[in-house]
Amino acid sequence: MAKQIKKIISKPLKLRMNMKTLIKTIAAALIFGVVAFNQSAVAQVEDQGDQTMEQKQTPQQGEKVEVQITQLPSAVNESIQADYADRKASKAYKTTDPRTGAVVYEIHFINPQGVTEAVKFDEEGEEVEDDL
């Protein structure tokens, strides 16, 4: 009889232990889910930010987007150093040719007399006509 009473009393204790384990498991799963969701949301926001920056630096036809001179293609930089070494590049813009859709870089130089002039280059560093 004592064994039967002991079994009856120990069952609720085991059930309570299992409930504690279950609650801990559910809490851990919720915390893990929240952390995983948060990381996913942050990654999506970062991707959207990257796309937005890319869109800002890819001009619509005829639109100028200012770019850093250090971010110009190497072919454009080489042309500037070879043909405009006596001038100081002050600003650079990325635009598109409305006729062809090709990317064009407009570089503003200050010549030795202090006058600002603009020269346009394609992505290969070749000068393009200024009739855009």
N, C-alpha and C. Protein backbone atom coordinates (compact mmCIF):
# COMPACT_ATOMS: atom_id res chain seq x y z
N MET A 1 0.81 -1.18 0.00
CA MET A 1 0.00 0.00 0.00
C MET A 1 0.87 1.26 0.00
N ALA A 2 1.94 1.24 0.75
CA ALA A 2 2.84 2.39 0.81
C ALA A 2 3.48 2.65 -0.56
N LYS A 3 3.76 1.55 -1.30
CA LYS A 3 4.33 1.72 -2.64
C LYS A 3 3.33 2.39 -3.57
N GLN A 4 2.05 2.01 -3.44
CA GLN A 4 1.03 2.60 -4.29
C GLN A 4 0.86 4.09 -3.98
N ILE A 5 0.89 4.45 -2.74
CA ILE A 5 0.77 5.86 -2.34
C ILE A 5 1.97 6.64 -2.85
N LYS A 6 3.14 6.05 -2.74
CA LYS A 6 4.36 6.71 -3.21
C LYS A 6 4.29 6.95 -4.72
N LYS A 7 3.75 5.98 -5.48
CA LYS A 7 3.60 6.14 -6.93
C LYS A 7 2.63 7.26 -7.24
N ILE A 8 1.52 7.32 -6.52
CA ILE A 8 0.50 8.34 -6.76
C ILE A 8 1.07 9.73 -6.45
N ILE A 9 1.82 9.86 -5.38
CA ILE A 9 2.40 11.15 -5.00
C ILE A 9 3.50 11.57 -5.96
N SER A 10 4.28 10.65 -6.47
CA SER A 10 5.41 10.98 -7.33
C SER A 10 4.97 11.37 -8.74
N LYS A 11 3.78 10.91 -9.19
CA LYS A 11 3.31 11.26 -10.53
C LYS A 11 3.14 12.77 -10.70
N PRO A 12 2.44 13.47 -9.78
CA PRO A 12 2.34 14.92 -9.95
C PRO A 12 3.71 15.60 -9.92
N LEU A 13 4.64 15.09 -9.16
CA LEU A 13 5.98 15.65 -9.10
C LEU A 13 6.66 15.51 -10.46
N LYS A 14 6.55 14.34 -11.07
CA LYS A 14 7.13 14.13 -12.41
C LYS A 14 6.45 15.04 -13.42
N LEU A 15 5.13 15.19 -13.30
CA LEU A 15 4.40 16.05 -14.21
C LEU A 15 4.85 17.50 -14.06
N ARG A 16 5.06 17.94 -12.81
CA ARG A 16 5.57 19.28 -12.58
C ARG A 16 6.96 19.46 -13.17
N MET A 17 7.80 18.48 -13.04
CA MET A 17 9.14 18.55 -13.60
C MET A 17 9.07 18.61 -15.12
N ASN A 18 8.19 17.82 -15.70
CA ASN A 18 8.03 17.86 -17.15
C ASN A 18 7.46 19.20 -17.61
N MET A 19 6.56 19.80 -16.85
CA MET A 19 6.00 21.10 -17.18
C MET A 19 7.08 22.18 -17.13
N LYS A 20 7.94 22.12 -16.11
CA LYS A 20 9.04 23.08 -16.02
C LYS A 20 9.94 22.95 -17.23
N THR A 21 10.27 21.73 -17.59
CA THR A 21 11.12 21.50 -18.75
C THR A 21 10.44 22.01 -20.01
N LEU A 22 9.14 21.75 -20.14
CA LEU A 22 8.38 22.21 -21.29
C LEU A 22 8.36 23.73 -21.36
N ILE A 23 8.12 24.39 -20.25
CA ILE A 23 8.09 25.85 -20.22
C ILE A 23 9.46 26.42 -20.59
N LYS A 24 10.51 25.83 -20.06
CA LYS A 24 11.86 26.30 -20.39
C LYS A 24 12.14 26.12 -21.88
N THR A 25 11.72 25.00 -22.43
CA THR A 25 11.94 24.73 -23.86
C THR A 25 11.18 25.72 -24.72
N ILE A 26 9.92 26.00 -24.35
CA ILE A 26 9.12 26.97 -25.11
C ILE A 26 9.74 28.37 -25.01
N ALA A 27 10.19 28.75 -23.82
CA ALA A 27 10.82 30.06 -23.65
C ALA A 27 12.08 30.17 -24.49
N ALA A 28 12.89 29.13 -24.49
CA ALA A 28 14.12 29.14 -25.29
C ALA A 28 13.79 29.23 -26.78
N ALA A 29 12.76 28.50 -27.21
CA ALA A 29 12.37 28.55 -28.63
C ALA A 29 11.87 29.93 -29.01
N LEU A 30 11.10 30.57 -28.15
CA LEU A 30 10.63 31.93 -28.42
C LEU A 30 11.78 32.92 -28.52
N ILE A 31 12.70 32.83 -27.59
CA ILE A 31 13.86 33.73 -27.61
C ILE A 31 14.65 33.52 -28.89
N PHE A 32 14.91 32.27 -29.24
CA PHE A 32 15.65 31.96 -30.47
C PHE A 32 14.90 32.50 -31.69
N GLY A 33 13.57 32.33 -31.71
CA GLY A 33 12.76 32.82 -32.82
C GLY A 33 12.82 34.32 -32.96
N VAL A 34 12.75 35.03 -31.85
CA VAL A 34 12.81 36.49 -31.87
C VAL A 34 14.18 36.95 -32.38
N VAL A 35 15.24 36.34 -31.90
CA VAL A 35 16.59 36.71 -32.33
C VAL A 35 16.76 36.44 -33.83
N ALA A 36 16.31 35.28 -34.28
CA ALA A 36 16.44 34.93 -35.70
C ALA A 36 15.62 35.90 -36.56
N PHE A 37 14.42 36.23 -36.13
CA PHE A 37 13.58 37.17 -36.87
C PHE A 37 14.23 38.54 -36.93
N ASN A 38 14.79 38.99 -35.81
CA ASN A 38 15.44 40.29 -35.75
C ASN A 38 16.63 40.34 -36.71
N GLN A 39 17.43 39.29 -36.75
CA GLN A 39 18.58 39.27 -37.65
C GLN A 39 18.12 39.27 -39.10
N SER A 40 17.04 38.57 -39.38
CA SER A 40 16.49 38.54 -40.74
C SER A 40 15.99 39.93 -41.14
N ALA A 41 15.32 40.60 -40.22
CA ALA A 41 14.80 41.94 -40.50
C ALA A 41 15.94 42.92 -40.74
N VAL A 42 16.99 42.83 -39.93
CA VAL A 42 18.15 43.71 -40.10
C VAL A 42 18.80 43.46 -41.46
N ALA A 43 18.94 42.20 -41.85
CA ALA A 43 19.55 41.87 -43.14
C ALA A 43 18.72 42.43 -44.29
N GLN A 44 17.39 42.37 -44.18
CA GLN A 44 16.53 42.91 -45.22
C GLN A 44 16.68 44.42 -45.32
N VAL A 45 16.75 45.10 -44.19
CA VAL A 45 16.92 46.55 -44.19
C VAL A 45 18.26 46.92 -44.80
N GLU A 46 19.31 46.18 -44.47
CA GLU A 46 20.63 46.45 -45.05
C GLU A 46 20.60 46.23 -46.55
N ASP A 47 19.93 45.18 -47.02
CA ASP A 47 19.83 44.93 -48.46
C ASP A 47 19.09 46.06 -49.15
N GLN A 48 18.02 46.55 -48.53
CA GLN A 48 17.27 47.65 -49.10
C GLN A 48 18.13 48.91 -49.15
N GLY A 49 18.92 49.12 -48.10
CA GLY A 49 19.83 50.27 -48.09
C GLY A 49 20.86 50.18 -49.17
N ASP A 50 21.42 48.99 -49.41
CA ASP A 50 22.39 48.80 -50.49
C ASP A 50 21.75 49.06 -51.83
N GLN A 51 20.51 48.59 -52.04
CA GLN A 51 19.82 48.81 -53.30
C GLN A 51 19.54 50.28 -53.49
N THR A 52 19.17 50.98 -52.42
CA THR A 52 18.89 52.40 -52.50
C THR A 52 20.15 53.17 -52.88
N MET A 53 21.28 52.82 -52.25
CA MET A 53 22.54 53.48 -52.60
C MET A 53 22.91 53.22 -54.05
N GLU A 54 22.70 51.98 -54.49
CA GLU A 54 23.01 51.63 -55.87
C GLU A 54 22.13 52.42 -56.82
N GLN A 55 20.84 52.56 -56.49
CA GLN A 55 19.93 53.32 -57.32
C GLN A 55 20.34 54.78 -57.36
N LYS A 56 20.79 55.33 -56.24
CA LYS A 56 21.22 56.73 -56.20
C LYS A 56 22.44 56.95 -57.07
N GLN A 57 23.32 55.95 -57.17
CA GLN A 57 24.53 56.11 -57.96
C GLN A 57 24.34 55.69 -59.40
N THR A 58 23.17 55.19 -59.77
CA THR A 58 22.87 54.86 -61.15
C THR A 58 21.86 55.88 -61.64
N PRO A 59 22.32 56.89 -62.36
CA PRO A 59 21.43 57.98 -62.75
C PRO A 59 20.43 57.55 -63.82
N GLN A 60 19.28 58.20 -63.80
CA GLN A 60 18.32 58.04 -64.88
C GLN A 60 18.88 58.82 -66.07
N GLN A 61 18.35 58.55 -67.24
CA GLN A 61 18.89 59.22 -68.43
C GLN A 61 18.81 60.73 -68.28
N GLY A 62 19.94 61.38 -68.52
CA GLY A 62 20.03 62.82 -68.44
C GLY A 62 20.25 63.36 -67.03
N GLU A 63 20.09 62.55 -66.01
CA GLU A 63 20.27 62.99 -64.62
C GLU A 63 21.74 62.86 -64.23
N LYS A 64 22.24 63.83 -63.48
CA LYS A 64 23.62 63.79 -62.98
C LYS A 64 23.61 63.36 -61.53
N VAL A 65 24.53 62.46 -61.19
CA VAL A 65 24.72 62.04 -59.81
C VAL A 65 26.18 62.31 -59.47
N GLU A 66 26.40 63.10 -58.42
CA GLU A 66 27.78 63.40 -58.04
C GLU A 66 28.44 62.15 -57.46
N VAL A 67 29.66 61.90 -57.88
CA VAL A 67 30.44 60.77 -57.37
C VAL A 67 31.79 61.30 -56.89
N GLN A 68 32.41 60.53 -56.02
CA GLN A 68 33.74 60.90 -55.54
C GLN A 68 34.75 60.69 -56.66
N ILE A 69 35.69 61.58 -56.77
CA ILE A 69 36.72 61.45 -57.80
C ILE A 69 37.50 60.15 -57.61
N THR A 70 37.65 59.72 -56.37
CA THR A 70 38.37 58.48 -56.09
C THR A 70 37.59 57.24 -56.55
N GLN A 71 36.29 57.40 -56.84
CA GLN A 71 35.46 56.27 -57.26
C GLN A 71 35.32 56.16 -58.78
N LEU A 72 36.03 56.99 -59.51
CA LEU A 72 35.97 56.92 -60.98
C LEU A 72 36.65 55.65 -61.47
N PRO A 73 36.21 55.13 -62.61
CA PRO A 73 36.88 53.95 -63.17
C PRO A 73 38.36 54.24 -63.43
N SER A 74 39.18 53.23 -63.34
CA SER A 74 40.63 53.43 -63.50
C SER A 74 40.96 54.00 -64.88
N ALA A 75 40.22 53.61 -65.91
CA ALA A 75 40.50 54.13 -67.26
C ALA A 75 40.26 55.64 -67.32
N VAL A 76 39.25 56.12 -66.62
CA VAL A 76 38.98 57.56 -66.58
C VAL A 76 40.10 58.26 -65.81
N ASN A 77 40.50 57.70 -64.68
CA ASN A 77 41.61 58.29 -63.91
C ASN A 77 42.89 58.35 -64.72
N GLU A 78 43.18 57.29 -65.47
CA GLU A 78 44.38 57.28 -66.30
C GLU A 78 44.33 58.37 -67.37
N SER A 79 43.17 58.57 -67.99
CA SER A 79 43.03 59.63 -68.99
C SER A 79 43.21 61.00 -68.38
N ILE A 80 42.65 61.19 -67.18
CA ILE A 80 42.79 62.47 -66.50
C ILE A 80 44.27 62.75 -66.22
N GLN A 81 44.99 61.75 -65.70
CA GLN A 81 46.41 61.93 -65.39
C GLN A 81 47.24 62.16 -66.64
N ALA A 82 46.89 61.50 -67.73
CA ALA A 82 47.67 61.63 -68.96
C ALA A 82 47.39 62.95 -69.68
N ASP A 83 46.12 63.35 -69.76
CA ASP A 83 45.76 64.49 -70.60
C ASP A 83 45.44 65.78 -69.85
N TYR A 84 45.20 65.69 -68.56
CA TYR A 84 44.81 66.87 -67.79
C TYR A 84 45.63 67.02 -66.52
N ALA A 85 46.89 66.68 -66.58
CA ALA A 85 47.76 66.71 -65.40
C ALA A 85 47.95 68.14 -64.88
N ASP A 86 47.81 69.15 -65.75
CA ASP A 86 48.00 70.54 -65.32
C ASP A 86 46.75 71.14 -64.70
N ARG A 87 45.67 70.36 -64.63
CA ARG A 87 44.41 70.84 -64.06
C ARG A 87 44.08 70.07 -62.79
N LYS A 88 43.28 70.69 -61.94
CA LYS A 88 42.84 70.02 -60.71
C LYS A 88 41.38 69.62 -60.87
N ALA A 89 41.10 68.32 -60.70
CA ALA A 89 39.72 67.84 -60.76
C ALA A 89 39.00 68.28 -59.49
N SER A 90 37.90 69.01 -59.63
CA SER A 90 37.20 69.52 -58.46
C SER A 90 35.91 68.75 -58.16
N LYS A 91 35.22 68.30 -59.19
CA LYS A 91 33.98 67.53 -59.00
C LYS A 91 33.86 66.51 -60.11
N ALA A 92 33.07 65.46 -59.81
CA ALA A 92 32.81 64.44 -60.83
C ALA A 92 31.35 64.06 -60.75
N TYR A 93 30.76 63.83 -61.92
CA TYR A 93 29.36 63.43 -62.00
C TYR A 93 29.25 62.21 -62.90
N LYS A 94 28.30 61.36 -62.55
CA LYS A 94 27.99 60.19 -63.38
C LYS A 94 26.63 60.46 -64.00
N THR A 95 26.53 60.28 -65.31
CA THR A 95 25.29 60.50 -66.02
C THR A 95 25.16 59.47 -67.13
N THR A 96 24.09 59.55 -67.87
CA THR A 96 23.94 58.65 -69.01
C THR A 96 23.70 59.47 -70.26
N ASP A 97 24.18 58.94 -71.36
CA ASP A 97 23.96 59.57 -72.65
C ASP A 97 22.51 59.30 -73.04
N PRO A 98 21.70 60.35 -73.24
CA PRO A 98 20.29 60.13 -73.55
C PRO A 98 20.05 59.41 -74.87
N ARG A 99 21.04 59.47 -75.76
CA ARG A 99 20.87 58.80 -77.06
C ARG A 99 21.19 57.32 -76.98
N THR A 100 22.27 56.98 -76.27
CA THR A 100 22.74 55.59 -76.27
C THR A 100 22.49 54.87 -74.94
N GLY A 101 22.28 55.64 -73.89
CA GLY A 101 22.11 55.02 -72.57
C GLY A 101 23.44 54.64 -71.92
N ALA A 102 24.55 54.98 -72.57
CA ALA A 102 25.88 54.65 -72.05
C ALA A 102 26.21 55.56 -70.86
N VAL A 103 26.97 55.01 -69.93
CA VAL A 103 27.41 55.78 -68.77
C VAL A 103 28.49 56.77 -69.19
N VAL A 104 28.35 58.00 -68.71
CA VAL A 104 29.31 59.07 -69.02
C VAL A 104 29.71 59.73 -67.71
N TYR A 105 30.99 60.03 -67.58
CA TYR A 105 31.51 60.73 -66.40
C TYR A 105 31.87 62.15 -66.81
N GLU A 106 31.30 63.11 -66.11
CA GLU A 106 31.59 64.52 -66.35
C GLU A 106 32.50 65.00 -65.24
N ILE A 107 33.70 65.41 -65.61
CA ILE A 107 34.69 65.85 -64.64
C ILE A 107 34.85 67.37 -64.76
N HIS A 108 34.77 68.05 -63.63
CA HIS A 108 34.97 69.50 -63.61
C HIS A 108 36.40 69.76 -63.15
N PHE A 109 37.12 70.47 -63.99
CA PHE A 109 38.52 70.81 -63.71
C PHE A 109 38.66 72.30 -63.45
N ILE A 110 39.67 72.65 -62.67
CA ILE A 110 40.07 74.05 -62.54
C ILE A 110 41.41 74.15 -63.26
N ASN A 111 41.41 74.95 -64.33
CA ASN A 111 42.64 75.06 -65.13
C ASN A 111 43.64 76.01 -64.45
N PRO A 112 44.87 76.11 -64.98
CA PRO A 112 45.89 76.95 -64.33
C PRO A 112 45.49 78.42 -64.17
N GLN A 113 44.57 78.89 -65.00
CA GLN A 113 44.11 80.28 -64.90
C GLN A 113 42.98 80.43 -63.87
N GLY A 114 42.54 79.32 -63.26
CA GLY A 114 41.49 79.38 -62.24
C GLY A 114 40.08 79.25 -62.79
N VAL A 115 39.98 78.93 -64.07
CA VAL A 115 38.66 78.81 -64.70
C VAL A 115 38.20 77.35 -64.65
N THR A 116 36.93 77.15 -64.32
CA THR A 116 36.38 75.80 -64.27
C THR A 116 35.90 75.38 -65.65
N GLU A 117 36.26 74.16 -66.03
CA GLU A 117 35.80 73.61 -67.31
C GLU A 117 35.38 72.16 -67.09
N ALA A 118 34.47 71.68 -67.91
CA ALA A 118 33.96 70.31 -67.77
C ALA A 118 34.36 69.48 -68.98
N VAL A 119 34.79 68.24 -68.71
CA VAL A 119 35.15 67.30 -69.77
C VAL A 119 34.43 66.00 -69.47
N LYS A 120 33.91 65.36 -70.53
CA LYS A 120 33.16 64.12 -70.35
C LYS A 120 33.95 62.93 -70.90
N PHE A 121 33.86 61.82 -70.15
CA PHE A 121 34.55 60.58 -70.52
C PHE A 121 33.56 59.43 -70.49
N ASP A 122 33.80 58.43 -71.37
CA ASP A 122 33.02 57.20 -71.25
C ASP A 122 33.72 56.30 -70.24
N GLU A 123 33.19 55.11 -70.00
CA GLU A 123 33.76 54.21 -69.00
C GLU A 123 35.14 53.70 -69.36
N GLU A 124 35.49 53.77 -70.65
CA GLU A 124 36.81 53.32 -71.09
C GLU A 124 37.85 54.44 -71.03
N GLY A 125 37.45 55.62 -70.56
CA GLY A 125 38.38 56.73 -70.42
C GLY A 125 38.52 57.58 -71.67
N GLU A 126 37.70 57.31 -72.67
CA GLU A 126 37.74 58.11 -73.91
C GLU A 126 36.88 59.35 -73.74
N GLU A 127 37.37 60.49 -74.24
CA GLU A 127 36.57 61.72 -74.19
C GLU A 127 35.37 61.56 -75.10
N VAL A 128 34.25 62.11 -74.66
CA VAL A 128 33.04 62.10 -75.49
C VAL A 128 32.65 63.52 -75.82
N GLU A 129 31.94 63.67 -76.91
CA GLU A 129 31.50 65.00 -77.34
C GLU A 129 30.65 65.63 -76.27
N ASP A 130 30.71 66.94 -76.18
CA ASP A 130 30.00 67.68 -75.14
C ASP A 130 28.58 68.06 -75.54
N ASP A 131 27.99 67.39 -76.53
CA ASP A 131 26.66 67.76 -76.98
C ASP A 131 25.56 66.97 -76.29
N LEU A 132 25.83 66.45 -75.09
CA LEU A 132 24.81 65.69 -74.33
C LEU A 132 23.83 66.65 -73.70
